[in-house]
Protein backbone atom coordinates (compact mmCIF):
# COMPACT_ATOMS: atom_id res chain seq x y z
CA MET A 1 18.34 9.61 13.53
CA LEU A 2 20.70 6.75 13.46
CA LEU A 3 18.71 4.85 10.90
CA SER A 4 18.40 8.28 8.74
CA GLU A 5 22.42 8.69 9.18
CA LEU A 6 23.12 5.05 8.05
CA SER A 7 20.63 5.59 5.18
CA VAL A 8 22.66 8.57 3.75
CA LYS A 9 26.22 7.13 4.66
CA TYR A 10 25.45 3.92 3.02
CA ASP A 11 22.83 4.83 0.32
CA ILE A 12 20.38 2.23 1.65
CA GLY A 13 16.67 3.01 2.42
CA VAL A 14 15.67 3.28 5.68
CA PRO A 15 12.90 0.56 5.23
CA LEU A 16 15.67 -1.73 4.34
CA ILE A 17 17.81 -0.85 7.37
CA LYS A 18 14.67 -1.62 9.60
CA ASN A 19 14.60 -5.26 8.79
CA LEU A 20 18.07 -5.47 9.94
CA ILE A 21 19.08 -6.89 13.51
CA LEU A 22 21.65 -4.28 14.64
CA SER A 23 23.87 -4.18 17.78
CA LEU A 24 25.93 -1.14 18.90
CA ASP A 25 29.32 -1.81 20.43
CA ILE A 26 29.82 1.22 22.56
CA GLU A 27 33.33 0.14 24.14
CA PRO A 28 35.74 3.28 23.40
CA GLU A 29 38.13 1.06 21.27
CA LYS A 30 35.52 -0.83 19.20
CA ARG A 31 32.63 1.79 18.58
CA CYS A 32 30.79 0.32 15.63
CA ILE A 33 27.28 -1.01 14.64
CA VAL A 34 27.23 -4.65 13.93
CA ILE A 35 24.68 -6.20 11.46
CA GLN A 36 23.59 -9.48 13.39
CA GLY A 37 21.11 -10.79 10.96
CA ILE A 38 17.86 -10.07 9.27
CA SER A 39 14.51 -9.70 11.04
CA SER A 40 12.11 -12.22 10.25
CA ALA A 41 9.43 -11.40 7.57
CA PHE A 42 6.75 -12.93 9.61
CA HIS A 43 5.23 -12.05 12.94
CA GLU A 44 6.07 -14.54 15.43
CA GLY A 45 3.94 -17.89 15.21
CA THR A 46 2.09 -16.62 12.03
CA ASP A 47 2.36 -16.43 8.38
CA LYS A 48 1.34 -12.59 8.61
CA LEU A 49 4.06 -10.35 7.14
CA THR A 50 5.42 -7.63 9.57
CA LEU A 51 5.08 -3.99 9.00
CA GLU A 52 8.87 -3.50 8.31
CA TYR A 53 8.80 -5.95 5.39
CA VAL A 54 5.72 -4.35 3.85
CA MET A 55 7.60 -1.12 4.18
CA ALA A 56 10.62 -2.63 2.67
CA LEU A 57 8.49 -4.24 -0.25
CA PHE A 58 6.91 -0.64 -1.06
CA TYR A 59 10.38 0.76 -0.80
CA GLY A 60 11.48 -1.55 -3.68
CA VAL A 61 8.45 -0.28 -5.80
CA ASP A 62 9.64 3.25 -5.27
CA MET A 63 13.22 1.95 -6.39
CA GLY A 64 11.65 0.53 -9.55
CA TRP A 65 12.72 -3.15 -8.53
CA TRP A 66 9.17 -4.33 -8.96
CA SER A 67 5.63 -3.20 -9.53
CA GLU A 68 3.10 -2.13 -7.11
CA GLN A 69 1.07 -4.98 -8.10
CA GLU A 70 3.44 -7.80 -7.27
CA VAL A 71 3.76 -6.22 -4.05
CA ARG A 72 0.15 -5.95 -3.16
CA ASP A 73 0.01 -9.68 -4.17
CA ILE A 74 2.75 -10.42 -1.81
CA ALA A 75 1.61 -8.28 1.04
CA ILE A 76 -2.06 -9.08 0.96
CA ASN A 77 -1.07 -11.90 3.78
CA SER A 78 0.29 -9.28 6.20
CA MET A 79 -0.78 -7.61 9.30
CA VAL A 80 -0.74 -4.36 7.35
CA PRO A 81 -4.25 -3.31 5.68
CA LEU A 82 -3.31 -2.37 2.24
CA TYR A 83 -5.94 0.02 0.64
CA ASP A 84 -6.93 0.86 -2.94
CA LYS A 85 -9.22 3.63 -3.92
CA ASN A 86 -12.47 1.16 -3.49
CA SER A 87 -11.38 -0.38 -0.20
CA LYS A 88 -10.87 3.37 1.10
CA ARG A 89 -14.16 4.49 -0.48
CA ASN A 90 -15.98 1.49 1.41
CA ALA A 91 -14.28 2.00 4.68
CA LEU A 92 -15.09 5.80 4.68
CA LYS A 93 -18.99 4.74 3.75
CA LYS A 94 -18.98 2.29 6.66
CA PHE A 95 -17.30 4.74 9.16
CA PHE A 96 -19.42 7.79 8.21
CA ARG A 97 -22.68 5.99 7.39
CA SER A 98 -22.85 7.99 4.41
CA ASN A 99 -23.63 7.67 0.62
CA PRO A 100 -20.24 7.00 -0.90
CA ASP A 101 -20.90 9.19 -3.80
CA VAL A 102 -21.03 12.28 -1.62
CA LEU A 103 -17.61 10.98 -0.06
CA ASP A 104 -15.73 10.98 -3.24
CA ASP A 105 -14.60 14.46 -2.91
CA LEU A 106 -12.77 13.51 0.30
CA SER A 107 -11.44 10.39 -0.61
CA ASP A 108 -9.70 11.65 -3.94
CA ASN A 109 -7.24 13.99 -1.93
CA GLU A 110 -4.62 11.91 -1.35
């Protein structure tokens, strides 16, 4: 709820806010939210992008800052599986152990 309210108040997308390190000062005289920094884009000790970072990248696509292909090229090295139509189709084929042509109707309802 707090992230949604901050998003509306400051006109910043929730996926961007989720990458900030926030602290809440609850002293009655000082009640405020402090930005202490930006979260790491990588999982600790790895070169894998975090879910929050990938969400922020795709938010940038929605905002028209960059293309989806640019994000996919960056986010390919992430902890988040990125699916396109073919990979969804192959995953369904493997999971259901069925002819993928039969599954096309199921996978096209996005």
